[in-house]
Amino acid sequence: MSAYKPPHIPASEITPEHIYLNRRTLLAAGLAAGAAFATGVGSDTANAATLSQGEALKTVPGPFPAPKRAETSYQDVTHYNNFYEFGVRKSDPFENSGDFQPYPWTFEIGGMVQKPKTVDIETLLTQFPLEDRIYRMRCVEAWSMVIPWVGIPLKSIIDMAEPLGSAKYVAFEGVVRPKEMPGQRGFGQPMQWPYLEGLRLDEANHPLTIIAVGLYGKTLLNQNGAPMRLVVPWKYGFKGIKSITKITLTDKQPPNSWNLLQPSEYGFYANVNPNVPHPRWSQATERVIGEGGGLFGGGQRIDTQMFNGYGDEVASLYAGMDLTKNY
């Protein structure tokens, strides 16, 4: 990987971290419900597709209060995205993802686990009691957007495979389908594929960390990461790997794609920190989408909060760490 020299991506085509990559999600994730879900379900092959993108999902409300700001419109959330597998422009995911087939879908849970599994997401979304598996939550995602995600606690999914006590990290791998994803083929592709990400195990097990399977009460659209994506509300959004195919438990810190591409600009932890500027821009403020200027214009700016406003919930995970060095 060290010999790989990716093509230069103009700064204008890389969303500043304080604009797109800054997410605050409020998750309705009850530990008891998570334990019920973790009884596990798997299959060797995918069932015939019964779901489709944008299909309605029943949801249950979460225990956390919603953000004071209004939800961003469905139009804005589904038309202004970062998903480099479909192209580097913000409009590319909406314009170029029509050929992608998110169903049927299976993903693997393996590595340092007692019971490796191949899991059929259709089974997860259609056969388990609703109250045990899907929760309605809100996410403030900057640029900044307020999004009602539908998701499953990541811990519930990991526990299905019974991680070994020696596991310390969780690695994620995205799908590779160049025939369906134009950003993965030909000249100008921004990085090597598959897209890779990772978390420490304690971060992955935090109740605010979820695998999102929908938004606005509907299954995810292709441009938003169908059929499943990672949402970690206190981290910059490049941690939110989309269209996940593998979840692997390991004892070594896994690679992540943006760090491999530009290590001086993107670290492993990617905790939202307004006091640590990106080498090419400040991260002290973020732009609100849908409020003054529309998607591609000016827009109101607001202060970025440490840990994206979730310091009370997650700061203890990093006690004693230098968060400037460990960016």
C-alpha atoms as a PDB file:
ATOM      1  CA  MET A   1       0.000   0.000   0.000  1.00  0.00           C
ATOM      2  CA  SER A   2       2.898   2.368   0.726  1.00  0.00           C
ATOM      3  CA  ALA A   3       3.919   2.393  -2.950  1.00  0.00           C
ATOM      4  CA  TYR A   4       0.487   3.485  -4.076  1.00  0.00           C
ATOM      5  CA  LYS A   5       0.389   7.058  -5.440  1.00  0.00           C
ATOM      6  CA  PRO A   6      -3.239   8.148  -5.802  1.00  0.00           C
ATOM      7  CA  PRO A   7      -4.227  10.828  -8.291  1.00  0.00           C
ATOM      8  CA  HIS A   8      -4.488  14.313  -6.833  1.00  0.00           C
ATOM      9  CA  ILE A   9      -7.977  15.324  -5.778  1.00  0.00           C
ATOM     10  CA  PRO A  10      -8.539  19.083  -5.992  1.00  0.00           C
ATOM     11  CA  ALA A  11      -9.238  20.654  -2.622  1.00  0.00           C
ATOM     12  CA  SER A  12     -12.508  21.948  -4.045  1.00  0.00           C
ATOM     13  CA  GLU A  13     -13.690  18.373  -4.536  1.00  0.00           C
ATOM     14  CA  ILE A  14     -12.802  17.182  -1.016  1.00  0.00           C
ATOM     15  CA  THR A  15     -15.436  18.142   1.484  1.00  0.00           C
ATOM     16  CA  PRO A  16     -13.850  19.937   4.443  1.00  0.00           C
ATOM     17  CA  GLU A  17     -14.198  17.878   7.579  1.00  0.00           C
ATOM     18  CA  HIS A  18     -16.093  20.693   9.264  1.00  0.00           C
ATOM     19  CA  ILE A  19     -18.596  20.742   6.400  1.00  0.00           C
ATOM     20  CA  TYR A  20     -19.599  17.174   5.573  1.00  0.00           C
ATOM     21  CA  LEU A  21     -17.632  14.959   7.852  1.00  0.00           C
ATOM     22  CA  ASN A  22     -18.957  16.157  11.186  1.00  0.00           C
ATOM     23  CA  ARG A  23     -21.873  14.123  12.490  1.00  0.00           C
ATOM     24  CA  ARG A  24     -23.857  14.264  15.733  1.00  0.00           C
ATOM     25  CA  THR A  25     -26.234  11.401  16.140  1.00  0.00           C
ATOM     26  CA  LEU A  26     -28.624  10.752  18.966  1.00  0.00           C
ATOM     27  CA  LEU A  27     -29.156   7.012  19.173  1.00  0.00           C
ATOM     28  CA  ALA A  28     -32.076   5.221  20.730  1.00  0.00           C
ATOM     29  CA  ALA A  29     -30.124   2.180  21.802  1.00  0.00           C
ATOM     30  CA  GLY A  30     -31.358   0.304  24.865  1.00  0.00           C
ATOM     31  CA  LEU A  31     -28.862  -2.255  26.131  1.00  0.00           C
ATOM     32  CA  ALA A  32     -31.604  -4.713  27.014  1.00  0.00           C
ATOM     33  CA  ALA A  33     -33.013  -4.510  23.511  1.00  0.00           C
ATOM     34  CA  GLY A  34     -29.510  -4.903  22.147  1.00  0.00           C
ATOM     35  CA  ALA A  35     -29.065  -8.068  24.145  1.00  0.00           C
ATOM     36  CA  ALA A  36     -32.334  -9.431  22.772  1.00  0.00           C
ATOM     37  CA  PHE A  37     -31.203  -8.701  19.231  1.00  0.00           C
ATOM     38  CA  ALA A  38     -27.847 -10.342  19.859  1.00  0.00           C
ATOM     39  CA  THR A  39     -29.366 -13.813  19.941  1.00  0.00           C
ATOM     40  CA  GLY A  40     -28.047 -13.894  16.411  1.00  0.00           C
ATOM     41  CA  VAL A  41     -29.155 -14.741  12.922  1.00  0.00           C
ATOM     42  CA  GLY A  42     -27.136 -15.871   9.970  1.00  0.00           C
ATOM     43  CA  SER A  43     -27.269 -17.698   6.676  1.00  0.00           C
ATOM     44  CA  ASP A  44     -24.882 -19.163   4.176  1.00  0.00           C
ATOM     45  CA  THR A  45     -26.561 -17.406   1.271  1.00  0.00           C
ATOM     46  CA  ALA A  46     -28.776 -14.391   0.846  1.00  0.00           C
ATOM     47  CA  ASN A  47     -32.498 -14.791   0.583  1.00  0.00           C
ATOM     48  CA  ALA A  48     -34.261 -13.506  -2.493  1.00  0.00           C
ATOM     49  CA  ALA A  49     -34.567  -9.741  -2.198  1.00  0.00           C
ATOM     50  CA  THR A  50     -37.805  -8.659  -0.590  1.00  0.00           C
ATOM     51  CA  LEU A  51     -36.789  -5.124   0.394  1.00  0.00           C
ATOM     52  CA  SER A  52     -35.973  -2.174  -1.797  1.00  0.00           C
ATOM     53  CA  GLN A  53     -34.301   1.156  -1.213  1.00  0.00           C
ATOM     54  CA  GLY A  54     -36.580   3.829   0.164  1.00  0.00           C
ATOM     55  CA  GLU A  55     -39.056   1.284   1.533  1.00  0.00           C
ATOM     56  CA  ALA A  56     -40.887   2.254   4.721  1.00  0.00           C
ATOM     57  CA  LEU A  57     -39.587   0.847   8.005  1.00  0.00           C
ATOM     58  CA  LYS A  58     -41.474   0.857  11.264  1.00  0.00           C
ATOM     59  CA  THR A  59     -39.394   2.422  14.029  1.00  0.00           C
ATOM     60  CA  VAL A  60     -39.546   2.997  17.753  1.00  0.00           C
ATOM     61  CA  PRO A  61     -38.595   6.322  19.371  1.00  0.00           C
ATOM     62  CA  GLY A  62     -35.361   6.744  21.229  1.00  0.00           C
ATOM     63  CA  PRO A  63     -34.902   7.808  24.859  1.00  0.00           C
ATOM     64  CA  PHE A  64     -32.730  10.828  24.049  1.00  0.00           C
ATOM     65  CA  PRO A  65     -34.144  14.287  23.307  1.00  0.00           C
ATOM     66  CA  ALA A  66     -34.006  15.469  19.719  1.00  0.00           C
ATOM     67  CA  PRO A  67     -31.739  18.353  18.676  1.00  0.00           C
ATOM     68  CA  LYS A  68     -33.272  21.787  18.995  1.00  0.00           C
ATOM     69  CA  ARG A  69     -32.800  22.470  15.300  1.00  0.00           C
ATOM     70  CA  ALA A  70     -35.286  21.250  12.726  1.00  0.00           C
ATOM     71  CA  GLU A  71     -34.658  18.171  10.610  1.00  0.00           C
ATOM     72  CA  THR A  72     -32.897  18.759   7.330  1.00  0.00           C
ATOM     73  CA  SER A  73     -35.145  18.063   4.370  1.00  0.00           C
ATOM     74  CA  TYR A  74     -35.160  14.605   2.810  1.00  0.00           C
ATOM     75  CA  GLN A  75     -34.318  16.270  -0.508  1.00  0.00           C
ATOM     76  CA  ASP A  76     -31.145  17.839   0.861  1.00  0.00           C
ATOM     77  CA  VAL A  77     -30.002  14.743   2.739  1.00  0.00           C
ATOM     78  CA  THR A  78     -30.370  12.527  -0.326  1.00  0.00           C
ATOM     79  CA  HIS A  79     -28.907  14.892  -2.934  1.00  0.00           C
ATOM     80  CA  TYR A  80     -25.714  16.210  -1.320  1.00  0.00           C
ATOM     81  CA  ASN A  81     -23.416  13.386  -0.281  1.00  0.00           C
ATOM     82  CA  ASN A  82     -19.873  12.094  -0.017  1.00  0.00           C
ATOM     83  CA  PHE A  83     -19.630   8.587  -1.428  1.00  0.00           C
ATOM     84  CA  TYR A  84     -16.461   8.376  -3.499  1.00  0.00           C
ATOM     85  CA  GLU A  85     -17.351   4.987  -4.926  1.00  0.00           C
ATOM     86  CA  PHE A  86     -19.787   6.950  -7.112  1.00  0.00           C
ATOM     87  CA  GLY A  87     -17.595  10.009  -7.748  1.00  0.00           C
ATOM     88  CA  VAL A  88     -15.938  12.903  -5.953  1.00  0.00           C
ATOM     89  CA  ARG A  89     -18.565  15.608  -6.504  1.00  0.00           C
ATOM     90  CA  LYS A  90     -21.327  16.056  -3.956  1.00  0.00           C
ATOM     91  CA  SER A  91     -23.968  15.397  -6.625  1.00  0.00           C
ATOM     92  CA  ASP A  92     -22.274  12.248  -7.982  1.00  0.00           C
ATOM     93  CA  PRO A  93     -23.745   9.746  -5.482  1.00  0.00           C
ATOM     94  CA  PHE A  94     -27.308  10.769  -6.379  1.00  0.00           C
ATOM     95  CA  GLU A  95     -26.584  10.973 -10.098  1.00  0.00           C
ATOM     96  CA  ASN A  96     -24.405   7.859 -10.471  1.00  0.00           C
ATOM     97  CA  SER A  97     -25.791   5.263  -8.045  1.00  0.00           C
ATOM     98  CA  GLY A  98     -28.845   4.092  -9.962  1.00  0.00           C
ATOM     99  CA  ASP A  99     -27.248   0.817 -11.102  1.00  0.00           C
ATOM    100  CA  PHE A 100     -26.172  -0.240  -7.615  1.00  0.00           C
ATOM    101  CA  GLN A 101     -28.081  -3.260  -6.250  1.00  0.00           C
ATOM    102  CA  PRO A 102     -28.256  -3.199  -2.407  1.00  0.00           C
ATOM    103  CA  TYR A 103     -30.515  -6.247  -2.092  1.00  0.00           C
ATOM    104  CA  PRO A 104     -30.069  -9.127  -1.534  1.00  0.00           C
ATOM    105  CA  TRP A 105     -27.119  -8.471   0.794  1.00  0.00           C
ATOM    106  CA  THR A 106     -24.967 -10.488   3.162  1.00  0.00           C
ATOM    107  CA  PHE A 107     -22.057  -9.372   5.310  1.00  0.00           C
ATOM    108  CA  GLU A 108     -19.443 -11.326   7.231  1.00  0.00           C
ATOM    109  CA  ILE A 109     -18.520 -11.093  10.916  1.00  0.00           C
ATOM    110  CA  GLY A 110     -15.212 -12.802  11.568  1.00  0.00           C
ATOM    111  CA  GLY A 111     -11.657 -12.578  12.814  1.00  0.00           C
ATOM    112  CA  MET A 112     -11.117 -12.975  16.547  1.00  0.00           C
ATOM    113  CA  VAL A 113     -14.549 -14.395  17.321  1.00  0.00           C
ATOM    114  CA  GLN A 114     -15.886 -17.734  18.534  1.00  0.00           C
ATOM    115  CA  LYS A 115     -18.710 -17.965  16.018  1.00  0.00           C
ATOM    116  CA  PRO A 116     -17.962 -16.408  12.608  1.00  0.00           C
ATOM    117  CA  LYS A 117     -21.138 -15.634  10.719  1.00  0.00           C
ATOM    118  CA  THR A 118     -22.422 -14.667   7.323  1.00  0.00           C
ATOM    119  CA  VAL A 119     -25.450 -12.533   8.050  1.00  0.00           C
ATOM    120  CA  ASP A 120     -28.357 -11.887   5.737  1.00  0.00           C
ATOM    121  CA  ILE A 121     -29.499  -8.303   6.254  1.00  0.00           C
ATOM    122  CA  GLU A 122     -32.934  -9.137   4.860  1.00  0.00           C
ATOM    123  CA  THR A 123     -33.406 -11.517   7.779  1.00  0.00           C
ATOM    124  CA  LEU A 124     -32.333  -8.849  10.237  1.00  0.00           C
ATOM    125  CA  LEU A 125     -34.818  -6.370   8.847  1.00  0.00           C
ATOM    126  CA  THR A 126     -37.806  -8.619   8.276  1.00  0.00           C
ATOM    127  CA  GLN A 127     -37.822 -11.507  10.776  1.00  0.00           C
ATOM    128  CA  PHE A 128     -36.756 -10.098  14.147  1.00  0.00           C
ATOM    129  CA  PRO A 129     -39.203  -8.375  16.507  1.00  0.00           C
ATOM    130  CA  LEU A 130     -39.170  -4.723  15.570  1.00  0.00           C
ATOM    131  CA  GLU A 131     -38.641  -3.448  19.087  1.00  0.00           C
ATOM    132  CA  ASP A 132     -35.477  -5.557  19.383  1.00  0.00           C
ATOM    133  CA  ARG A 133     -33.698  -4.356  16.309  1.00  0.00           C
ATOM    134  CA  ILE A 134     -34.575  -0.954  14.832  1.00  0.00           C
ATOM    135  CA  TYR A 135     -34.543   2.409  16.512  1.00  0.00           C
ATOM    136  CA  ARG A 136     -35.412   5.890  15.396  1.00  0.00           C
ATOM    137  CA  MET A 137     -32.695   8.431  16.130  1.00  0.00           C
ATOM    138  CA  ARG A 138     -31.565  11.868  15.090  1.00  0.00           C
ATOM    139  CA  CYS A 139     -28.212  12.900  13.747  1.00  0.00           C
ATOM    140  CA  VAL A 140     -26.764  16.346  13.312  1.00  0.00           C
ATOM    141  CA  GLU A 141     -24.422  15.970  10.377  1.00  0.00           C
ATOM    142  CA  ALA A 142     -22.402  18.942   9.387  1.00  0.00           C
ATOM    143  CA  TRP A 143     -22.453  20.589   6.794  1.00  0.00           C
ATOM    144  CA  SER A 144     -24.518  20.443   9.232  1.00  0.00           C
ATOM    145  CA  MET A 145     -27.603  18.271   8.829  1.00  0.00           C
ATOM    146  CA  VAL A 146     -30.180  16.942  11.280  1.00  0.00           C
ATOM    147  CA  ILE A 147     -31.082  13.432  10.143  1.00  0.00           C
ATOM    148  CA  PRO A 148     -33.443  10.857  11.691  1.00  0.00           C
ATOM    149  CA  TRP A 149     -31.449   7.688  11.151  1.00  0.00           C
ATOM    150  CA  VAL A 150     -32.859   4.203  11.635  1.00  0.00           C
ATOM    151  CA  GLY A 151     -30.233   1.860  12.991  1.00  0.00           C
ATOM    152  CA  ILE A 152     -29.063  -1.114  14.995  1.00  0.00           C
ATOM    153  CA  PRO A 153     -26.514  -0.914  17.830  1.00  0.00           C
ATOM    154  CA  LEU A 154     -23.199  -2.125  16.431  1.00  0.00           C
ATOM    155  CA  LYS A 155     -22.533  -3.979  19.674  1.00  0.00           C
ATOM    156  CA  SER A 156     -25.616  -6.126  19.072  1.00  0.00           C
ATOM    157  CA  ILE A 157     -24.256  -7.167  15.693  1.00  0.00           C
ATOM    158  CA  ILE A 158     -20.724  -7.817  16.953  1.00  0.00           C
ATOM    159  CA  ASP A 159     -21.982  -9.879  19.882  1.00  0.00           C
ATOM    160  CA  MET A 160     -23.682 -12.282  17.482  1.00  0.00           C
ATOM    161  CA  ALA A 161     -20.223 -13.686  16.701  1.00  0.00           C
ATOM    162  CA  GLU A 162     -19.039 -13.765  20.340  1.00  0.00           C
ATOM    163  CA  PRO A 163     -15.769 -11.773  20.230  1.00  0.00           C
ATOM    164  CA  LEU A 164     -12.709 -13.237  21.943  1.00  0.00           C
ATOM    165  CA  GLY A 165     -11.352 -11.442  24.984  1.00  0.00           C
ATOM    166  CA  SER A 166      -8.140 -10.683  23.078  1.00  0.00           C
ATOM    167  CA  ALA A 167      -9.934  -8.629  20.402  1.00  0.00           C
ATOM    168  CA  LYS A 168      -9.165  -4.905  20.646  1.00  0.00           C
ATOM    169  CA  TYR A 169     -10.347  -3.398  17.368  1.00  0.00           C
ATOM    170  CA  VAL A 170     -13.099  -3.739  14.787  1.00  0.00           C
ATOM    171  CA  ALA A 171     -12.233  -3.442  11.086  1.00  0.00           C
ATOM    172  CA  PHE A 172     -14.757  -2.669   8.362  1.00  0.00           C
ATOM    173  CA  GLU A 173     -14.636  -3.254   4.627  1.00  0.00           C
ATOM    174  CA  GLY A 174     -16.896  -1.771   1.966  1.00  0.00           C
ATOM    175  CA  VAL A 175     -18.193  -3.329  -1.215  1.00  0.00           C
ATOM    176  CA  VAL A 176     -16.227  -3.447  -4.475  1.00  0.00           C
ATOM    177  CA  ARG A 177     -18.455  -3.406  -7.554  1.00  0.00           C
ATOM    178  CA  PRO A 178     -16.809  -1.310 -10.271  1.00  0.00           C
ATOM    179  CA  LYS A 179     -19.510  -2.227 -12.783  1.00  0.00           C
ATOM    180  CA  GLU A 180     -22.115  -0.590 -10.535  1.00  0.00           C
ATOM    181  CA  MET A 181     -19.905   2.063  -8.899  1.00  0.00           C
ATOM    182  CA  PRO A 182     -18.244   4.344 -11.479  1.00  0.00           C
ATOM    183  CA  GLY A 183     -15.936   5.895  -8.881  1.00  0.00           C
ATOM    184  CA  GLN A 184     -14.195   2.514  -8.547  1.00  0.00           C
ATOM    185  CA  ARG A 185     -13.221   2.205 -12.169  1.00  0.00           C
ATOM    186  CA  GLY A 186     -11.154   4.019 -14.728  1.00  0.00           C
ATOM    187  CA  PHE A 187      -8.921   7.077 -14.585  1.00  0.00           C
ATOM    188  CA  GLY A 188      -9.222   9.452 -11.677  1.00  0.00           C
ATOM    189  CA  GLN A 189     -10.503   7.062  -8.984  1.00  0.00           C
ATOM    190  CA  PRO A 190      -9.509   8.730  -5.728  1.00  0.00           C
ATOM    191  CA  MET A 191      -8.226   5.748  -3.711  1.00  0.00           C
ATOM    192  CA  GLN A 192      -7.669   2.029  -3.616  1.00  0.00           C
ATOM    193  CA  TRP A 193     -10.692  -0.164  -2.984  1.00  0.00           C
ATOM    194  CA  PRO A 194     -12.273  -1.546  -0.935  1.00  0.00           C
ATOM    195  CA  TYR A 195     -12.934   1.363   1.393  1.00  0.00           C
ATOM    196  CA  LEU A 196     -11.532   0.490   4.825  1.00  0.00           C
ATOM    197  CA  GLU A 197     -12.312   1.769   8.309  1.00  0.00           C
ATOM    198  CA  GLY A 198     -11.803   0.803  11.913  1.00  0.00           C
ATOM    199  CA  LEU A 199     -12.681   1.504  15.531  1.00  0.00           C
ATOM    200  CA  ARG A 200     -11.364   0.472  18.881  1.00  0.00           C
ATOM    201  CA  LEU A 201     -13.592  -2.199  20.368  1.00  0.00           C
ATOM    202  CA  ASP A 202     -14.733   0.065  23.205  1.00  0.00           C
ATOM    203  CA  GLU A 203     -15.747   2.699  20.639  1.00  0.00           C
ATOM    204  CA  ALA A 204     -17.614   0.084  18.615  1.00  0.00           C
ATOM    205  CA  ASN A 205     -19.416  -1.147  21.724  1.00  0.00           C
ATOM    206  CA  HIS A 206     -20.521   2.323  22.808  1.00  0.00           C
ATOM    207  CA  PRO A 207     -24.336   2.592  22.669  1.00  0.00           C
ATOM    208  CA  LEU A 208     -24.104   5.656  20.412  1.00  0.00           C
ATOM    209  CA  THR A 209     -22.329   3.668  17.675  1.00  0.00           C
ATOM    210  CA  ILE A 210     -24.797   2.159  15.226  1.00  0.00           C
ATOM    211  CA  ILE A 211     -25.154   0.434  11.904  1.00  0.00           C
ATOM    212  CA  ALA A 212     -27.671   2.599  10.086  1.00  0.00           C
ATOM    213  CA  VAL A 213     -30.097   0.753   7.827  1.00  0.00           C
ATOM    214  CA  GLY A 214     -32.412   3.654   7.048  1.00  0.00           C
ATOM    215  CA  LEU A 215     -33.226   7.315   7.394  1.00  0.00           C
ATOM    216  CA  TYR A 216     -36.516   9.180   7.743  1.00  0.00           C
ATOM    217  CA  GLY A 217     -38.208   5.870   8.500  1.00  0.00           C
ATOM    218  CA  LYS A 218     -37.199   4.371   5.147  1.00  0.00           C
ATOM    219  CA  THR A 219     -34.464   1.980   4.042  1.00  0.00           C
ATOM    220  CA  LEU A 220     -31.311   3.734   2.890  1.00  0.00           C
ATOM    221  CA  LEU A 221     -31.061   5.033  -0.637  1.00  0.00           C
ATOM    222  CA  ASN A 222     -27.988   4.036  -2.610  1.00  0.00           C
ATOM    223  CA  GLN A 223     -26.394   7.465  -2.304  1.00  0.00           C
ATOM    224  CA  ASN A 224     -26.681   7.328   1.490  1.00  0.00           C
ATOM    225  CA  GLY A 225     -24.872   4.008   1.908  1.00  0.00           C
ATOM    226  CA  ALA A 226     -27.455   1.303   1.214  1.00  0.00           C
ATOM    227  CA  PRO A 227     -28.121  -1.131   2.619  1.00  0.00           C
ATOM    228  CA  MET A 228     -26.001  -0.556   5.774  1.00  0.00           C
ATOM    229  CA  ARG A 229     -23.477   2.014   6.939  1.00  0.00           C
ATOM    230  CA  LEU A 230     -21.579   2.924  10.082  1.00  0.00           C
ATOM    231  CA  VAL A 231     -22.582   6.019  12.082  1.00  0.00           C
ATOM    232  CA  VAL A 232     -20.285   7.180  14.908  1.00  0.00           C
ATOM    233  CA  PRO A 233     -21.728  10.497  16.083  1.00  0.00           C
ATOM    234  CA  TRP A 234     -18.680  12.016  17.780  1.00  0.00           C
ATOM    235  CA  LYS A 235     -16.300  11.398  14.868  1.00  0.00           C
ATOM    236  CA  TYR A 236     -15.798  13.066  11.501  1.00  0.00           C
ATOM    237  CA  GLY A 237     -17.885  11.510   8.801  1.00  0.00           C
ATOM    238  CA  PHE A 238     -15.171   9.754   6.820  1.00  0.00           C
ATOM    239  CA  LYS A 239     -15.352   7.149   9.578  1.00  0.00           C
ATOM    240  CA  GLY A 240     -18.893   6.358   8.392  1.00  0.00           C
ATOM    241  CA  ILE A 241     -18.074   3.577   5.934  1.00  0.00           C
ATOM    242  CA  LYS A 242     -20.975   2.722   3.620  1.00  0.00           C
ATOM    243  CA  SER A 243     -22.250  -0.481   1.986  1.00  0.00           C
ATOM    244  CA  ILE A 244     -20.401  -2.691   4.468  1.00  0.00           C
ATOM    245  CA  THR A 245     -19.492  -6.257   3.503  1.00  0.00           C
ATOM    246  CA  LYS A 246     -17.116  -7.323   6.308  1.00  0.00           C
ATOM    247  CA  ILE A 247     -16.812  -6.684  10.040  1.00  0.00           C
ATOM    248  CA  THR A 248     -13.625  -8.197  11.467  1.00  0.00           C
ATOM    249  CA  LEU A 249     -12.452  -8.380  15.077  1.00  0.00           C
ATOM    250  CA  THR A 250      -8.683  -8.014  15.489  1.00  0.00           C
ATOM    251  CA  ASP A 251      -5.986  -7.251  18.027  1.00  0.00           C
ATOM    252  CA  LYS A 252      -4.191  -4.773  15.752  1.00  0.00           C
ATOM    253  CA  GLN A 253      -5.217  -1.258  14.763  1.00  0.00           C
ATOM    254  CA  PRO A 254      -6.806  -1.626  11.315  1.00  0.00           C
ATOM    255  CA  PRO A 255      -6.054   0.651   8.373  1.00  0.00           C
ATOM    256  CA  ASN A 256      -8.520   3.302   7.276  1.00  0.00           C
ATOM    257  CA  SER A 257      -8.700   4.548   3.699  1.00  0.00           C
ATOM    258  CA  TRP A 258      -8.354   8.297   4.202  1.00  0.00           C
ATOM    259  CA  ASN A 259      -5.365   7.840   6.510  1.00  0.00           C
ATOM    260  CA  LEU A 260      -3.718   5.632   3.883  1.00  0.00           C
ATOM    261  CA  LEU A 261      -4.459   8.225   1.211  1.00  0.00           C
ATOM    262  CA  GLN A 262      -3.422  11.359   3.129  1.00  0.00           C
ATOM    263  CA  PRO A 263      -1.912  10.452   6.527  1.00  0.00           C
ATOM    264  CA  SER A 264      -0.920  14.023   7.381  1.00  0.00           C
ATOM    265  CA  GLU A 265      -4.550  15.135   7.117  1.00  0.00           C
ATOM    266  CA  TYR A 266      -6.685  12.194   8.285  1.00  0.00           C
ATOM    267  CA  GLY A 267      -5.951  10.164  11.414  1.00  0.00           C
ATOM    268  CA  PHE A 268      -7.323   6.928  12.787  1.00  0.00           C
ATOM    269  CA  TYR A 269      -9.394   8.439  15.598  1.00  0.00           C
ATOM    270  CA  ALA A 270     -11.008  11.346  13.738  1.00  0.00           C
ATOM    271  CA  ASN A 271     -12.713  12.676  16.869  1.00  0.00           C
ATOM    272  CA  VAL A 272     -14.423  15.993  16.224  1.00  0.00           C
ATOM    273  CA  ASN A 273     -12.109  18.595  17.737  1.00  0.00           C
ATOM    274  CA  PRO A 274     -12.558  22.272  16.812  1.00  0.00           C
ATOM    275  CA  ASN A 275      -9.166  23.051  18.343  1.00  0.00           C
ATOM    276  CA  VAL A 276      -7.222  20.925  15.850  1.00  0.00           C
ATOM    277  CA  PRO A 277      -7.288  22.530  12.395  1.00  0.00           C
ATOM    278  CA  HIS A 278      -7.081  20.501   9.243  1.00  0.00           C
ATOM    279  CA  PRO A 279      -3.859  21.447   7.394  1.00  0.00           C
ATOM    280  CA  ARG A 280      -5.935  23.233   4.740  1.00  0.00           C
ATOM    281  CA  TRP A 281      -8.848  24.705   6.717  1.00  0.00           C
ATOM    282  CA  SER A 282     -10.148  25.506  10.148  1.00  0.00           C
ATOM    283  CA  GLN A 283     -12.506  23.047  11.830  1.00  0.00           C
ATOM    284  CA  ALA A 284     -13.788  25.563  14.359  1.00  0.00           C
ATOM    285  CA  THR A 285     -17.092  26.125  12.551  1.00  0.00           C
ATOM    286  CA  GLU A 286     -19.459  24.184  10.305  1.00  0.00           C
ATOM    287  CA  ARG A 287     -21.992  25.178   7.656  1.00  0.00           C
ATOM    288  CA  VAL A 288     -25.692  24.433   8.095  1.00  0.00           C
ATOM    289  CA  ILE A 289     -27.327  22.919   5.024  1.00  0.00           C
ATOM    290  CA  GLY A 290     -30.781  24.208   4.175  1.00  0.00           C
ATOM    291  CA  GLU A 291     -30.404  27.452   6.134  1.00  0.00           C
ATOM    292  CA  GLY A 292     -29.378  30.413   4.010  1.00  0.00           C
ATOM    293  CA  GLY A 293     -27.618  29.551   0.772  1.00  0.00           C
ATOM    294  CA  GLY A 294     -28.975  26.097   0.010  1.00  0.00           C
ATOM    295  CA  LEU A 295     -26.833  23.065  -0.734  1.00  0.00           C
ATOM    296  CA  PHE A 296     -24.057  24.629  -2.761  1.00  0.00           C
ATOM    297  CA  GLY A 297     -24.150  28.218  -1.535  1.00  0.00           C
ATOM    298  CA  GLY A 298     -23.053  30.125   1.590  1.00  0.00           C
ATOM    299  CA  GLY A 299     -25.190  29.018   4.489  1.00  0.00           C
ATOM    300  CA  GLN A 300     -25.227  29.812   8.172  1.00  0.00           C
ATOM    301  CA  ARG A 301     -22.101  28.878  10.135  1.00  0.00           C
ATOM    302  CA  ILE A 302     -22.189  27.555  13.672  1.00  0.00           C
ATOM    303  CA  ASP A 303     -19.467  26.642  16.154  1.00  0.00           C
ATOM    304  CA  THR A 304     -18.195  23.073  16.053  1.00  0.00           C
ATOM    305  CA  GLN A 305     -18.410  21.339  19.424  1.00  0.00           C
ATOM    306  CA  MET A 306     -15.807  19.070  20.968  1.00  0.00           C
ATOM    307  CA  PHE A 307     -16.747  15.433  20.332  1.00  0.00           C
ATOM    308  CA  ASN A 308     -19.578  16.910  18.261  1.00  0.00           C
ATOM    309  CA  GLY A 309     -21.412  17.735  21.466  1.00  0.00           C
ATOM    310  CA  TYR A 310     -21.144  14.240  22.973  1.00  0.00           C
ATOM    311  CA  GLY A 311     -18.356  14.909  25.439  1.00  0.00           C
ATOM    312  CA  ASP A 312     -20.420  13.830  28.434  1.00  0.00           C
ATOM    313  CA  GLU A 313     -21.043  10.467  26.793  1.00  0.00           C
ATOM    314  CA  VAL A 314     -17.671   9.658  25.196  1.00  0.00           C
ATOM    315  CA  ALA A 315     -14.847  11.774  26.648  1.00  0.00           C
ATOM    316  CA  SER A 316     -14.030   9.035  29.166  1.00  0.00           C
ATOM    317  CA  LEU A 317     -13.027   6.758  26.275  1.00  0.00           C
ATOM    318  CA  TYR A 318      -9.985   8.967  25.698  1.00  0.00           C
ATOM    319  CA  ALA A 319      -8.904   9.786  29.248  1.00  0.00           C
ATOM    320  CA  GLY A 320      -5.178  10.496  29.311  1.00  0.00           C
ATOM    321  CA  MET A 321      -4.800  10.593  25.524  1.00  0.00           C
ATOM    322  CA  ASP A 322      -3.272  13.498  23.614  1.00  0.00           C
ATOM    323  CA  LEU A 323      -6.108  14.242  21.196  1.00  0.00           C
ATOM    324  CA  THR A 324      -3.939  16.583  19.182  1.00  0.00           C
ATOM    325  CA  LYS A 325      -1.393  13.867  18.502  1.00  0.00           C
ATOM    326  CA  ASN A 326      -4.055  11.184  18.180  1.00  0.00           C
ATOM    327  CA  TYR A 327      -6.169  13.060  15.663  1.00  0.00           C
END
